[in-house]
Amino acid sequence: MEQYKEIIGSVVTGTVDRPLGSAHPNYPDMIYPINYGYVDGVFAADGEEQDVYIFGADEPLKTFTGKVIAIYHRTNDIEDKWIVSVDGKDYSDDEILKRIEFQEKYYEGILLR
């Protein structure tokens, strides 16, 4: 878990491929209540660019720059999801877990700070 200490607090830039209000490409009934995307040029354990939940924007985004405030570590999957704040706010654990529950309810995991 040491590697997470280097990530939390860093500023990252990326692309939003599932903007607020859009449907999941494979599950059209799943509508994204927040922006979701990836960090450009940073690759995760699944070989794809690192996924992020983007907090602090109440409109659909195309790109983002923000601070990593937490990591949702899936314990039954190889992917971690970074929690990025684009408005400088440090969201509480409860706020984060409630807002990512729409997708993370299908996995087991822990929030790392």
PDB file of N, CA and C in Angstrom:
ATOM      1  N   MET A   1       0.815  -1.199   0.000  1.00  0.00           N
ATOM      2  CA  MET A   1       0.000   0.000   0.000  1.00  0.00           C
ATOM      3  C   MET A   1       0.863   1.269   0.000  1.00  0.00           C
ATOM      4  N   GLU A   2       2.169   1.118   0.116  1.00  0.00           N
ATOM      5  CA  GLU A   2       3.084   2.258   0.111  1.00  0.00           C
ATOM      6  C   GLU A   2       2.954   3.091  -1.153  1.00  0.00           C
ATOM      7  N   GLN A   3       2.736   2.424  -2.303  1.00  0.00           N
ATOM      8  CA  GLN A   3       2.684   3.145  -3.582  1.00  0.00           C
ATOM      9  C   GLN A   3       1.550   4.164  -3.620  1.00  0.00           C
ATOM     10  N   TYR A   4       0.514   3.967  -2.835  1.00  0.00           N
ATOM     11  CA  TYR A   4      -0.614   4.896  -2.844  1.00  0.00           C
ATOM     12  C   TYR A   4      -0.250   6.236  -2.222  1.00  0.00           C
ATOM     13  N   LYS A   5       0.697   6.237  -1.295  1.00  0.00           N
ATOM     14  CA  LYS A   5       1.101   7.474  -0.628  1.00  0.00           C
ATOM     15  C   LYS A   5       1.696   8.465  -1.619  1.00  0.00           C
ATOM     16  N   GLU A   6       2.356   7.958  -2.653  1.00  0.00           N
ATOM     17  CA  GLU A   6       2.939   8.834  -3.679  1.00  0.00           C
ATOM     18  C   GLU A   6       1.869   9.405  -4.600  1.00  0.00           C
ATOM     19  N   ILE A   7       0.782   8.698  -4.772  1.00  0.00           N
ATOM     20  CA  ILE A   7      -0.269   9.107  -5.711  1.00  0.00           C
ATOM     21  C   ILE A   7      -1.199  10.129  -5.068  1.00  0.00           C
ATOM     22  N   ILE A   8      -1.623   9.851  -3.833  1.00  0.00           N
ATOM     23  CA  ILE A   8      -2.558  10.757  -3.149  1.00  0.00           C
ATOM     24  C   ILE A   8      -1.879  12.097  -2.916  1.00  0.00           C
ATOM     25  N   GLY A   9      -2.537  13.148  -3.355  1.00  0.00           N
ATOM     26  CA  GLY A   9      -1.987  14.489  -3.253  1.00  0.00           C
ATOM     27  C   GLY A   9      -1.391  14.998  -4.548  1.00  0.00           C
ATOM     28  N   SER A  10      -1.186  14.097  -5.505  1.00  0.00           N
ATOM     29  CA  SER A  10      -0.619  14.531  -6.783  1.00  0.00           C
ATOM     30  C   SER A  10      -1.698  15.159  -7.665  1.00  0.00           C
ATOM     31  N   VAL A  11      -1.262  16.037  -8.559  1.00  0.00           N
ATOM     32  CA  VAL A  11      -2.166  16.680  -9.509  1.00  0.00           C
ATOM     33  C   VAL A  11      -2.060  15.935 -10.829  1.00  0.00           C
ATOM     34  N   VAL A  12      -3.225  15.575 -11.388  1.00  0.00           N
ATOM     35  CA  VAL A  12      -3.265  14.796 -12.623  1.00  0.00           C
ATOM     36  C   VAL A  12      -4.173  15.473 -13.653  1.00  0.00           C
ATOM     37  N   THR A  13      -3.926  15.163 -14.912  1.00  0.00           N
ATOM     38  CA  THR A  13      -4.713  15.689 -16.023  1.00  0.00           C
ATOM     39  C   THR A  13      -5.173  14.513 -16.861  1.00  0.00           C
ATOM     40  N   GLY A  14      -6.398  14.614 -17.383  1.00  0.00           N
ATOM     41  CA  GLY A  14      -6.884  13.498 -18.174  1.00  0.00           C
ATOM     42  C   GLY A  14      -8.074  13.831 -19.029  1.00  0.00           C
ATOM     43  N   THR A  15      -8.680  12.772 -19.518  1.00  0.00           N
ATOM     44  CA  THR A  15      -9.791  12.816 -20.453  1.00  0.00           C
ATOM     45  C   THR A  15     -11.023  12.208 -19.815  1.00  0.00           C
ATOM     46  N   VAL A  16     -12.171  12.825 -20.036  1.00  0.00           N
ATOM     47  CA  VAL A  16     -13.440  12.291 -19.558  1.00  0.00           C
ATOM     48  C   VAL A  16     -14.074  11.516 -20.708  1.00  0.00           C
ATOM     49  N   ASP A  17     -14.196  10.192 -20.541  1.00  0.00           N
ATOM     50  CA  ASP A  17     -14.834   9.390 -21.583  1.00  0.00           C
ATOM     51  C   ASP A  17     -16.268   8.985 -21.226  1.00  0.00           C
ATOM     52  N   ARG A  18     -16.649   9.244 -19.990  1.00  0.00           N
ATOM     53  CA  ARG A  18     -18.030   9.002 -19.564  1.00  0.00           C
ATOM     54  C   ARG A  18     -18.485  10.216 -18.752  1.00  0.00           C
ATOM     55  N   PRO A  19     -18.949  11.246 -19.459  1.00  0.00           N
ATOM     56  CA  PRO A  19     -19.332  12.478 -18.753  1.00  0.00           C
ATOM     57  C   PRO A  19     -20.584  12.317 -17.902  1.00  0.00           C
ATOM     58  N   LEU A  20     -20.719  13.198 -16.947  1.00  0.00           N
ATOM     59  CA  LEU A  20     -21.903  13.288 -16.105  1.00  0.00           C
ATOM     60  C   LEU A  20     -23.159  13.187 -16.969  1.00  0.00           C
ATOM     61  N   GLY A  21     -24.059  12.269 -16.610  1.00  0.00           N
ATOM     62  CA  GLY A  21     -25.323  12.113 -17.336  1.00  0.00           C
ATOM     63  C   GLY A  21     -25.285  11.126 -18.484  1.00  0.00           C
ATOM     64  N   SER A  22     -24.109  10.603 -18.814  1.00  0.00           N
ATOM     65  CA  SER A  22     -24.008   9.646 -19.923  1.00  0.00           C
ATOM     66  C   SER A  22     -24.276   8.226 -19.429  1.00  0.00           C
ATOM     67  N   ALA A  23     -24.560   7.340 -20.362  1.00  0.00           N
ATOM     68  CA  ALA A  23     -24.830   5.940 -20.040  1.00  0.00           C
ATOM     69  C   ALA A  23     -23.560   5.111 -20.191  1.00  0.00           C
ATOM     70  N   HIS A  24     -23.442   4.078 -19.378  1.00  0.00           N
ATOM     71  CA  HIS A  24     -22.331   3.132 -19.493  1.00  0.00           C
ATOM     72  C   HIS A  24     -22.424   2.456 -20.862  1.00  0.00           C
ATOM     73  N   PRO A  25     -21.289   2.285 -21.568  1.00  0.00           N
ATOM     74  CA  PRO A  25     -21.345   1.709 -22.914  1.00  0.00           C
ATOM     75  C   PRO A  25     -21.886   0.277 -22.984  1.00  0.00           C
ATOM     76  N   ASN A  26     -21.689  -0.507 -21.929  1.00  0.00           N
ATOM     77  CA  ASN A  26     -22.170  -1.895 -21.930  1.00  0.00           C
ATOM     78  C   ASN A  26     -23.450  -2.096 -21.139  1.00  0.00           C
ATOM     79  N   TYR A  27     -23.789  -1.133 -20.280  1.00  0.00           N
ATOM     80  CA  TYR A  27     -24.970  -1.232 -19.427  1.00  0.00           C
ATOM     81  C   TYR A  27     -25.751   0.075 -19.533  1.00  0.00           C
ATOM     82  N   PRO A  28     -26.568   0.232 -20.574  1.00  0.00           N
ATOM     83  CA  PRO A  28     -27.228   1.510 -20.838  1.00  0.00           C
ATOM     84  C   PRO A  28     -28.145   2.015 -19.726  1.00  0.00           C
ATOM     85  N   ASP A  29     -28.541   1.159 -18.804  1.00  0.00           N
ATOM     86  CA  ASP A  29     -29.367   1.606 -17.680  1.00  0.00           C
ATOM     87  C   ASP A  29     -28.539   2.290 -16.590  1.00  0.00           C
ATOM     88  N   MET A  30     -27.205   2.137 -16.659  1.00  0.00           N
ATOM     89  CA  MET A  30     -26.326   2.770 -15.674  1.00  0.00           C
ATOM     90  C   MET A  30     -25.947   4.160 -16.195  1.00  0.00           C
ATOM     91  N   ILE A  31     -26.473   5.184 -15.533  1.00  0.00           N
ATOM     92  CA  ILE A  31     -26.196   6.572 -15.899  1.00  0.00           C
ATOM     93  C   ILE A  31     -25.180   7.146 -14.907  1.00  0.00           C
ATOM     94  N   TYR A  32     -24.154   7.775 -15.429  1.00  0.00           N
ATOM     95  CA  TYR A  32     -23.096   8.323 -14.576  1.00  0.00           C
ATOM     96  C   TYR A  32     -23.559   9.587 -13.864  1.00  0.00           C
ATOM     97  N   PRO A  33     -23.612   9.554 -12.517  1.00  0.00           N
ATOM     98  CA  PRO A  33     -24.016  10.727 -11.749  1.00  0.00           C
ATOM     99  C   PRO A  33     -22.863  11.718 -11.538  1.00  0.00           C
ATOM    100  N   ILE A  34     -21.658  11.302 -11.915  1.00  0.00           N
ATOM    101  CA  ILE A  34     -20.475  12.169 -11.864  1.00  0.00           C
ATOM    102  C   ILE A  34     -19.640  11.902 -13.113  1.00  0.00           C
ATOM    103  N   ASN A  35     -18.720  12.788 -13.402  1.00  0.00           N
ATOM    104  CA  ASN A  35     -17.806  12.576 -14.526  1.00  0.00           C
ATOM    105  C   ASN A  35     -16.835  11.450 -14.185  1.00  0.00           C
ATOM    106  N   TYR A  36     -16.482  10.682 -15.215  1.00  0.00           N
ATOM    107  CA  TYR A  36     -15.603   9.522 -15.055  1.00  0.00           C
ATOM    108  C   TYR A  36     -14.673   9.510 -16.252  1.00  0.00           C
ATOM    109  N   GLY A  37     -13.421   9.265 -16.009  1.00  0.00           N
ATOM    110  CA  GLY A  37     -12.479   9.270 -17.123  1.00  0.00           C
ATOM    111  C   GLY A  37     -11.193   8.571 -16.757  1.00  0.00           C
ATOM    112  N   TYR A  38     -10.096   9.055 -17.331  1.00  0.00           N
ATOM    113  CA  TYR A  38      -8.805   8.422 -17.107  1.00  0.00           C
ATOM    114  C   TYR A  38      -7.690   9.459 -17.135  1.00  0.00           C
ATOM    115  N   VAL A  39      -6.575   9.107 -16.499  1.00  0.00           N
ATOM    116  CA  VAL A  39      -5.394   9.959 -16.473  1.00  0.00           C
ATOM    117  C   VAL A  39      -4.598   9.680 -17.739  1.00  0.00           C
ATOM    118  N   ASP A  40      -4.358  10.718 -18.501  1.00  0.00           N
ATOM    119  CA  ASP A  40      -3.600  10.567 -19.745  1.00  0.00           C
ATOM    120  C   ASP A  40      -2.186  10.055 -19.461  1.00  0.00           C
ATOM    121  N   GLY A  41      -1.816   8.950 -20.107  1.00  0.00           N
ATOM    122  CA  GLY A  41      -0.450   8.443 -20.039  1.00  0.00           C
ATOM    123  C   GLY A  41      -0.078   7.663 -18.799  1.00  0.00           C
ATOM    124  N   VAL A  42      -1.019   7.449 -17.878  1.00  0.00           N
ATOM    125  CA  VAL A  42      -0.741   6.651 -16.678  1.00  0.00           C
ATOM    126  C   VAL A  42      -1.521   5.350 -16.815  1.00  0.00           C
ATOM    127  N   PHE A  43      -0.800   4.233 -16.801  1.00  0.00           N
ATOM    128  CA  PHE A  43      -1.447   2.953 -17.037  1.00  0.00           C
ATOM    129  C   PHE A  43      -1.628   2.161 -15.751  1.00  0.00           C
ATOM    130  N   ALA A  44      -2.782   1.517 -15.649  1.00  0.00           N
ATOM    131  CA  ALA A  44      -3.170   0.753 -14.463  1.00  0.00           C
ATOM    132  C   ALA A  44      -2.848  -0.725 -14.657  1.00  0.00           C
ATOM    133  N   ALA A  45      -3.164  -1.520 -13.644  1.00  0.00           N
ATOM    134  CA  ALA A  45      -2.868  -2.963 -13.654  1.00  0.00           C
ATOM    135  C   ALA A  45      -3.579  -3.709 -14.779  1.00  0.00           C
ATOM    136  N   ASP A  46      -4.699  -3.166 -15.276  1.00  0.00           N
ATOM    137  CA  ASP A  46      -5.428  -3.846 -16.354  1.00  0.00           C
ATOM    138  C   ASP A  46      -4.876  -3.501 -17.740  1.00  0.00           C
ATOM    139  N   GLY A  47      -3.807  -2.693 -17.791  1.00  0.00           N
ATOM    140  CA  GLY A  47      -3.198  -2.333 -19.061  1.00  0.00           C
ATOM    141  C   GLY A  47      -3.831  -1.127 -19.738  1.00  0.00           C
ATOM    142  N   GLU A  48      -4.899  -0.626 -19.157  1.00  0.00           N
ATOM    143  CA  GLU A  48      -5.588   0.561 -19.678  1.00  0.00           C
ATOM    144  C   GLU A  48      -5.157   1.782 -18.870  1.00  0.00           C
ATOM    145  N   GLU A  49      -5.456   2.970 -19.400  1.00  0.00           N
ATOM    146  CA  GLU A  49      -5.123   4.172 -18.650  1.00  0.00           C
ATOM    147  C   GLU A  49      -5.923   4.214 -17.346  1.00  0.00           C
ATOM    148  N   GLN A  50      -5.322   4.813 -16.319  1.00  0.00           N
ATOM    149  CA  GLN A  50      -5.865   4.818 -14.958  1.00  0.00           C
ATOM    150  C   GLN A  50      -7.220   5.517 -14.881  1.00  0.00           C
ATOM    151  N   ASP A  51      -8.238   4.789 -14.403  1.00  0.00           N
ATOM    152  CA  ASP A  51      -9.588   5.322 -14.264  1.00  0.00           C
ATOM    153  C   ASP A  51      -9.699   6.254 -13.076  1.00  0.00           C
ATOM    154  N   VAL A  52     -10.544   7.280 -13.235  1.00  0.00           N
ATOM    155  CA  VAL A  52     -10.782   8.230 -12.150  1.00  0.00           C
ATOM    156  C   VAL A  52     -12.253   8.605 -12.066  1.00  0.00           C
ATOM    157  N   TYR A  53     -12.702   8.820 -10.836  1.00  0.00           N
ATOM    158  CA  TYR A  53     -13.979   9.472 -10.571  1.00  0.00           C
ATOM    159  C   TYR A  53     -13.641  10.937 -10.321  1.00  0.00           C
ATOM    160  N   ILE A  54     -14.368  11.835 -10.963  1.00  0.00           N
ATOM    161  CA  ILE A  54     -14.055  13.253 -10.892  1.00  0.00           C
ATOM    162  C   ILE A  54     -15.101  13.976 -10.051  1.00  0.00           C
ATOM    163  N   PHE A  55     -14.646  14.569  -8.964  1.00  0.00           N
ATOM    164  CA  PHE A  55     -15.507  15.297  -8.038  1.00  0.00           C
ATOM    165  C   PHE A  55     -15.316  16.794  -8.242  1.00  0.00           C
ATOM    166  N   GLY A  56     -16.391  17.552  -8.006  1.00  0.00           N
ATOM    167  CA  GLY A  56     -16.281  18.996  -8.020  1.00  0.00           C
ATOM    168  C   GLY A  56     -16.738  19.675  -9.292  1.00  0.00           C
ATOM    169  N   ALA A  57     -17.357  18.927 -10.193  1.00  0.00           N
ATOM    170  CA  ALA A  57     -17.902  19.527 -11.413  1.00  0.00           C
ATOM    171  C   ALA A  57     -19.361  19.106 -11.525  1.00  0.00           C
ATOM    172  N   ASP A  58     -20.258  20.081 -11.701  1.00  0.00           N
ATOM    173  CA  ASP A  58     -21.677  19.745 -11.802  1.00  0.00           C
ATOM    174  C   ASP A  58     -22.180  19.849 -13.242  1.00  0.00           C
ATOM    175  N   GLU A  59     -21.259  19.783 -14.191  1.00  0.00           N
ATOM    176  CA  GLU A  59     -21.614  19.755 -15.605  1.00  0.00           C
ATOM    177  C   GLU A  59     -20.702  18.749 -16.306  1.00  0.00           C
ATOM    178  N   PRO A  60     -21.135  18.216 -17.445  1.00  0.00           N
ATOM    179  CA  PRO A  60     -20.290  17.255 -18.167  1.00  0.00           C
ATOM    180  C   PRO A  60     -18.969  17.903 -18.589  1.00  0.00           C
ATOM    181  N   LEU A  61     -17.887  17.178 -18.397  1.00  0.00           N
ATOM    182  CA  LEU A  61     -16.552  17.647 -18.776  1.00  0.00           C
ATOM    183  C   LEU A  61     -16.014  16.845 -19.949  1.00  0.00           C
ATOM    184  N   LYS A  62     -15.030  17.410 -20.648  1.00  0.00           N
ATOM    185  CA  LYS A  62     -14.302  16.684 -21.699  1.00  0.00           C
ATOM    186  C   LYS A  62     -12.897  16.328 -21.226  1.00  0.00           C
ATOM    187  N   THR A  63     -12.319  17.228 -20.426  1.00  0.00           N
ATOM    188  CA  THR A  63     -10.995  17.011 -19.851  1.00  0.00           C
ATOM    189  C   THR A  63     -11.028  17.490 -18.403  1.00  0.00           C
ATOM    190  N   PHE A  64      -9.979  17.173 -17.659  1.00  0.00           N
ATOM    191  CA  PHE A  64      -9.914  17.602 -16.269  1.00  0.00           C
ATOM    192  C   PHE A  64      -8.472  17.744 -15.825  1.00  0.00           C
ATOM    193  N   THR A  65      -8.277  18.572 -14.821  1.00  0.00           N
ATOM    194  CA  THR A  65      -7.035  18.656 -14.048  1.00  0.00           C
ATOM    195  C   THR A  65      -7.475  18.786 -12.604  1.00  0.00           C
ATOM    196  N   GLY A  66      -6.936  17.930 -11.763  1.00  0.00           N
ATOM    197  CA  GLY A  66      -7.328  17.958 -10.364  1.00  0.00           C
ATOM    198  C   GLY A  66      -6.364  17.185  -9.495  1.00  0.00           C
ATOM    199  N   LYS A  67      -6.658  17.218  -8.199  1.00  0.00           N
ATOM    200  CA  LYS A  67      -5.814  16.575  -7.190  1.00  0.00           C
ATOM    201  C   LYS A  67      -6.405  15.233  -6.783  1.00  0.00           C
ATOM    202  N   VAL A  68      -5.573  14.213  -6.724  1.00  0.00           N
ATOM    203  CA  VAL A  68      -5.996  12.895  -6.241  1.00  0.00           C
ATOM    204  C   VAL A  68      -6.174  13.001  -4.731  1.00  0.00           C
ATOM    205  N   ILE A  69      -7.417  12.805  -4.258  1.00  0.00           N
ATOM    206  CA  ILE A  69      -7.691  12.933  -2.820  1.00  0.00           C
ATOM    207  C   ILE A  69      -7.885  11.578  -2.139  1.00  0.00           C
ATOM    208  N   ALA A  70      -8.065  10.519  -2.923  1.00  0.00           N
ATOM    209  CA  ALA A  70      -8.263   9.177  -2.362  1.00  0.00           C
ATOM    210  C   ALA A  70      -8.142   8.156  -3.487  1.00  0.00           C
ATOM    211  N   ILE A  71      -8.059   6.909  -3.089  1.00  0.00           N
ATOM    212  CA  ILE A  71      -8.055   5.804  -4.050  1.00  0.00           C
ATOM    213  C   ILE A  71      -9.040   4.763  -3.558  1.00  0.00           C
ATOM    214  N   TYR A  72      -9.920   4.315  -4.471  1.00  0.00           N
ATOM    215  CA  TYR A  72     -10.804   3.211  -4.137  1.00  0.00           C
ATOM    216  C   TYR A  72     -10.120   1.949  -4.639  1.00  0.00           C
ATOM    217  N   HIS A  73      -9.633   1.137  -3.700  1.00  0.00           N
ATOM    218  CA  HIS A  73      -8.908  -0.089  -4.021  1.00  0.00           C
ATOM    219  C   HIS A  73      -9.891  -1.250  -4.036  1.00  0.00           C
ATOM    220  N   ARG A  74     -10.138  -1.772  -5.219  1.00  0.00           N
ATOM    221  CA  ARG A  74     -11.018  -2.936  -5.342  1.00  0.00           C
ATOM    222  C   ARG A  74     -10.273  -4.173  -4.861  1.00  0.00           C
ATOM    223  N   THR A  75     -10.849  -4.867  -3.897  1.00  0.00           N
ATOM    224  CA  THR A  75     -10.197  -6.049  -3.337  1.00  0.00           C
ATOM    225  C   THR A  75     -10.548  -7.324  -4.096  1.00  0.00           C
ATOM    226  N   ASN A  76     -11.545  -7.248  -4.984  1.00  0.00           N
ATOM    227  CA  ASN A  76     -11.926  -8.436  -5.756  1.00  0.00           C
ATOM    228  C   ASN A  76     -11.780  -8.179  -7.261  1.00  0.00           C
ATOM    229  N   ASP A  77     -10.867  -7.276  -7.627  1.00  0.00           N
ATOM    230  CA  ASP A  77     -10.619  -6.926  -9.022  1.00  0.00           C
ATOM    231  C   ASP A  77      -9.205  -6.365  -9.105  1.00  0.00           C
ATOM    232  N   ILE A  78      -8.641  -6.274 -10.308  1.00  0.00           N
ATOM    233  CA  ILE A  78      -7.280  -5.742 -10.430  1.00  0.00           C
ATOM    234  C   ILE A  78      -7.247  -4.227 -10.574  1.00  0.00           C
ATOM    235  N   GLU A  79      -8.399  -3.601 -10.726  1.00  0.00           N
ATOM    236  CA  GLU A  79      -8.436  -2.156 -10.947  1.00  0.00           C
ATOM    237  C   GLU A  79      -8.602  -1.372  -9.648  1.00  0.00           C
ATOM    238  N   ASP A  80      -7.902  -0.254  -9.577  1.00  0.00           N
ATOM    239  CA  ASP A  80      -8.141   0.754  -8.557  1.00  0.00           C
ATOM    240  C   ASP A  80      -8.746   1.955  -9.262  1.00  0.00           C
ATOM    241  N   LYS A  81      -9.536   2.708  -8.559  1.00  0.00           N
ATOM    242  CA  LYS A  81     -10.132   3.933  -9.106  1.00  0.00           C
ATOM    243  C   LYS A  81      -9.625   5.106  -8.286  1.00  0.00           C
ATOM    244  N   TRP A  82      -9.051   6.091  -8.958  1.00  0.00           N
ATOM    245  CA  TRP A  82      -8.570   7.272  -8.262  1.00  0.00           C
ATOM    246  C   TRP A  82      -9.713   8.256  -8.118  1.00  0.00           C
ATOM    247  N   ILE A  83      -9.771   8.933  -6.989  1.00  0.00           N
ATOM    248  CA  ILE A  83     -10.773   9.965  -6.726  1.00  0.00           C
ATOM    249  C   ILE A  83     -10.072  11.312  -6.890  1.00  0.00           C
ATOM    250  N   VAL A  84     -10.530  12.089  -7.869  1.00  0.00           N
ATOM    251  CA  VAL A  84      -9.881  13.358  -8.201  1.00  0.00           C
ATOM    252  C   VAL A  84     -10.845  14.513  -7.921  1.00  0.00           C
ATOM    253  N   SER A  85     -10.340  15.529  -7.226  1.00  0.00           N
ATOM    254  CA  SER A  85     -11.105  16.745  -6.948  1.00  0.00           C
ATOM    255  C   SER A  85     -10.623  17.848  -7.883  1.00  0.00           C
ATOM    256  N   VAL A  86     -11.556  18.388  -8.676  1.00  0.00           N
ATOM    257  CA  VAL A  86     -11.195  19.471  -9.599  1.00  0.00           C
ATOM    258  C   VAL A  86     -11.519  20.847  -9.018  1.00  0.00           C
ATOM    259  N   ASP A  87     -12.168  20.882  -7.864  1.00  0.00           N
ATOM    260  CA  ASP A  87     -12.543  22.163  -7.260  1.00  0.00           C
ATOM    261  C   ASP A  87     -11.762  22.479  -5.986  1.00  0.00           C
ATOM    262  N   GLY A  88     -10.767  21.646  -5.674  1.00  0.00           N
ATOM    263  CA  GLY A  88      -9.935  21.903  -4.503  1.00  0.00           C
ATOM    264  C   GLY A  88     -10.523  21.433  -3.189  1.00  0.00           C
ATOM    265  N   LYS A  89     -11.751  20.919  -3.222  1.00  0.00           N
ATOM    266  CA  LYS A  89     -12.406  20.459  -2.004  1.00  0.00           C
ATOM    267  C   LYS A  89     -11.925  19.051  -1.647  1.00  0.00           C
ATOM    268  N   ASP A  90     -11.787  18.799  -0.351  1.00  0.00           N
ATOM    269  CA  ASP A  90     -11.421  17.477   0.137  1.00  0.00           C
ATOM    270  C   ASP A  90     -12.696  16.797   0.627  1.00  0.00           C
ATOM    271  N   TYR A  91     -13.291  15.985  -0.208  1.00  0.00           N
ATOM    272  CA  TYR A  91     -14.562  15.329   0.095  1.00  0.00           C
ATOM    273  C   TYR A  91     -14.381  14.272   1.177  1.00  0.00           C
ATOM    274  N   SER A  92     -15.411  14.098   2.002  1.00  0.00           N
ATOM    275  CA  SER A  92     -15.352  13.113   3.085  1.00  0.00           C
ATOM    276  C   SER A  92     -15.462  11.695   2.523  1.00  0.00           C
ATOM    277  N   ASP A  93     -15.046  10.733   3.333  1.00  0.00           N
ATOM    278  CA  ASP A  93     -15.163   9.329   2.932  1.00  0.00           C
ATOM    279  C   ASP A  93     -16.611   8.997   2.588  1.00  0.00           C
ATOM    280  N   ASP A  94     -17.552   9.437   3.429  1.00  0.00           N
ATOM    281  CA  ASP A  94     -18.965   9.149   3.180  1.00  0.00           C
ATOM    282  C   ASP A  94     -19.432   9.738   1.852  1.00  0.00           C
ATOM    283  N   GLU A  95     -19.047  10.987   1.573  1.00  0.00           N
ATOM    284  CA  GLU A  95     -19.441  11.616   0.307  1.00  0.00           C
ATOM    285  C   GLU A  95     -18.893  10.834  -0.883  1.00  0.00           C
ATOM    286  N   ILE A  96     -17.632  10.438  -0.799  1.00  0.00           N
ATOM    287  CA  ILE A  96     -17.006   9.696  -1.889  1.00  0.00           C
ATOM    288  C   ILE A  96     -17.719   8.364  -2.098  1.00  0.00           C
ATOM    289  N   LEU A  97     -17.884   7.605  -1.027  1.00  0.00           N
ATOM    290  CA  LEU A  97     -18.491   6.275  -1.150  1.00  0.00           C
ATOM    291  C   LEU A  97     -19.924   6.353  -1.678  1.00  0.00           C
ATOM    292  N   LYS A  98     -20.680   7.353  -1.252  1.00  0.00           N
ATOM    293  CA  LYS A  98     -22.056   7.503  -1.749  1.00  0.00           C
ATOM    294  C   LYS A  98     -22.078   7.821  -3.241  1.00  0.00           C
ATOM    295  N   ARG A  99     -21.147   8.661  -3.699  1.00  0.00           N
ATOM    296  CA  ARG A  99     -21.179   9.105  -5.090  1.00  0.00           C
ATOM    297  C   ARG A  99     -20.618   8.084  -6.066  1.00  0.00           C
ATOM    298  N   ILE A 100     -19.791   7.146  -5.588  1.00  0.00           N
ATOM    299  CA  ILE A 100     -19.259   6.118  -6.495  1.00  0.00           C
ATOM    300  C   ILE A 100     -20.018   4.795  -6.369  1.00  0.00           C
ATOM    301  N   GLU A 101     -20.964   4.749  -5.453  1.00  0.00           N
ATOM    302  CA  GLU A 101     -21.713   3.515  -5.177  1.00  0.00           C
ATOM    303  C   GLU A 101     -22.461   2.998  -6.404  1.00  0.00           C
ATOM    304  N   PHE A 102     -22.881   3.874  -7.293  1.00  0.00           N
ATOM    305  CA  PHE A 102     -23.642   3.462  -8.480  1.00  0.00           C
ATOM    306  C   PHE A 102     -22.899   2.400  -9.283  1.00  0.00           C
ATOM    307  N   GLN A 103     -21.574   2.435  -9.257  1.00  0.00           N
ATOM    308  CA  GLN A 103     -20.780   1.450  -9.989  1.00  0.00           C
ATOM    309  C   GLN A 103     -20.034   0.502  -9.048  1.00  0.00           C
ATOM    310  N   GLU A 104     -19.563   1.011  -7.945  1.00  0.00           N
ATOM    311  CA  GLU A 104     -18.753   0.192  -7.036  1.00  0.00           C
ATOM    312  C   GLU A 104     -19.578  -0.806  -6.232  1.00  0.00           C
ATOM    313  N   LYS A 105     -20.902  -0.702  -6.276  1.00  0.00           N
ATOM    314  CA  LYS A 105     -21.728  -1.687  -5.559  1.00  0.00           C
ATOM    315  C   LYS A 105     -21.559  -3.093  -6.132  1.00  0.00           C
ATOM    316  N   TYR A 106     -21.001  -3.181  -7.324  1.00  0.00           N
ATOM    317  CA  TYR A 106     -20.770  -4.479  -7.952  1.00  0.00           C
ATOM    318  C   TYR A 106     -19.415  -5.082  -7.566  1.00  0.00           C
ATOM    319  N   TYR A 107     -18.647  -4.378  -6.763  1.00  0.00           N
ATOM    320  CA  TYR A 107     -17.303  -4.805  -6.365  1.00  0.00           C
ATOM    321  C   TYR A 107     -17.146  -4.675  -4.858  1.00  0.00           C
ATOM    322  N   GLU A 108     -16.070  -5.252  -4.363  1.00  0.00           N
ATOM    323  CA  GLU A 108     -15.697  -5.059  -2.970  1.00  0.00           C
ATOM    324  C   GLU A 108     -14.439  -4.199  -2.976  1.00  0.00           C
ATOM    325  N   GLY A 109     -14.335  -3.329  -1.973  1.00  0.00           N
ATOM    326  CA  GLY A 109     -13.142  -2.497  -1.942  1.00  0.00           C
ATOM    327  C   GLY A 109     -13.071  -1.660  -0.686  1.00  0.00           C
ATOM    328  N   ILE A 110     -11.949  -0.928  -0.607  1.00  0.00           N
ATOM    329  CA  ILE A 110     -11.713  -0.030   0.521  1.00  0.00           C
ATOM    330  C   ILE A 110     -11.239   1.314  -0.019  1.00  0.00           C
ATOM    331  N   LEU A 111     -11.582   2.357   0.713  1.00  0.00           N
ATOM    332  CA  LEU A 111     -11.153   3.699   0.350  1.00  0.00           C
ATOM    333  C   LEU A 111      -9.869   4.013   1.090  1.00  0.00           C
ATOM    334  N   LEU A 112      -8.857   4.381   0.340  1.00  0.00           N
ATOM    335  CA  LEU A 112      -7.546   4.691   0.913  1.00  0.00           C
ATOM    336  C   LEU A 112      -7.303   6.187   0.876  1.00  0.00           C
ATOM    337  N   ARG A 113      -6.734   6.707   1.964  1.00  0.00           N
ATOM    338  CA  ARG A 113      -6.457   8.155   2.074  1.00  0.00           C
ATOM    339  C   ARG A 113      -4.994   8.379   2.380  1.00  0.00           C
TER     340      ARG A 113
END
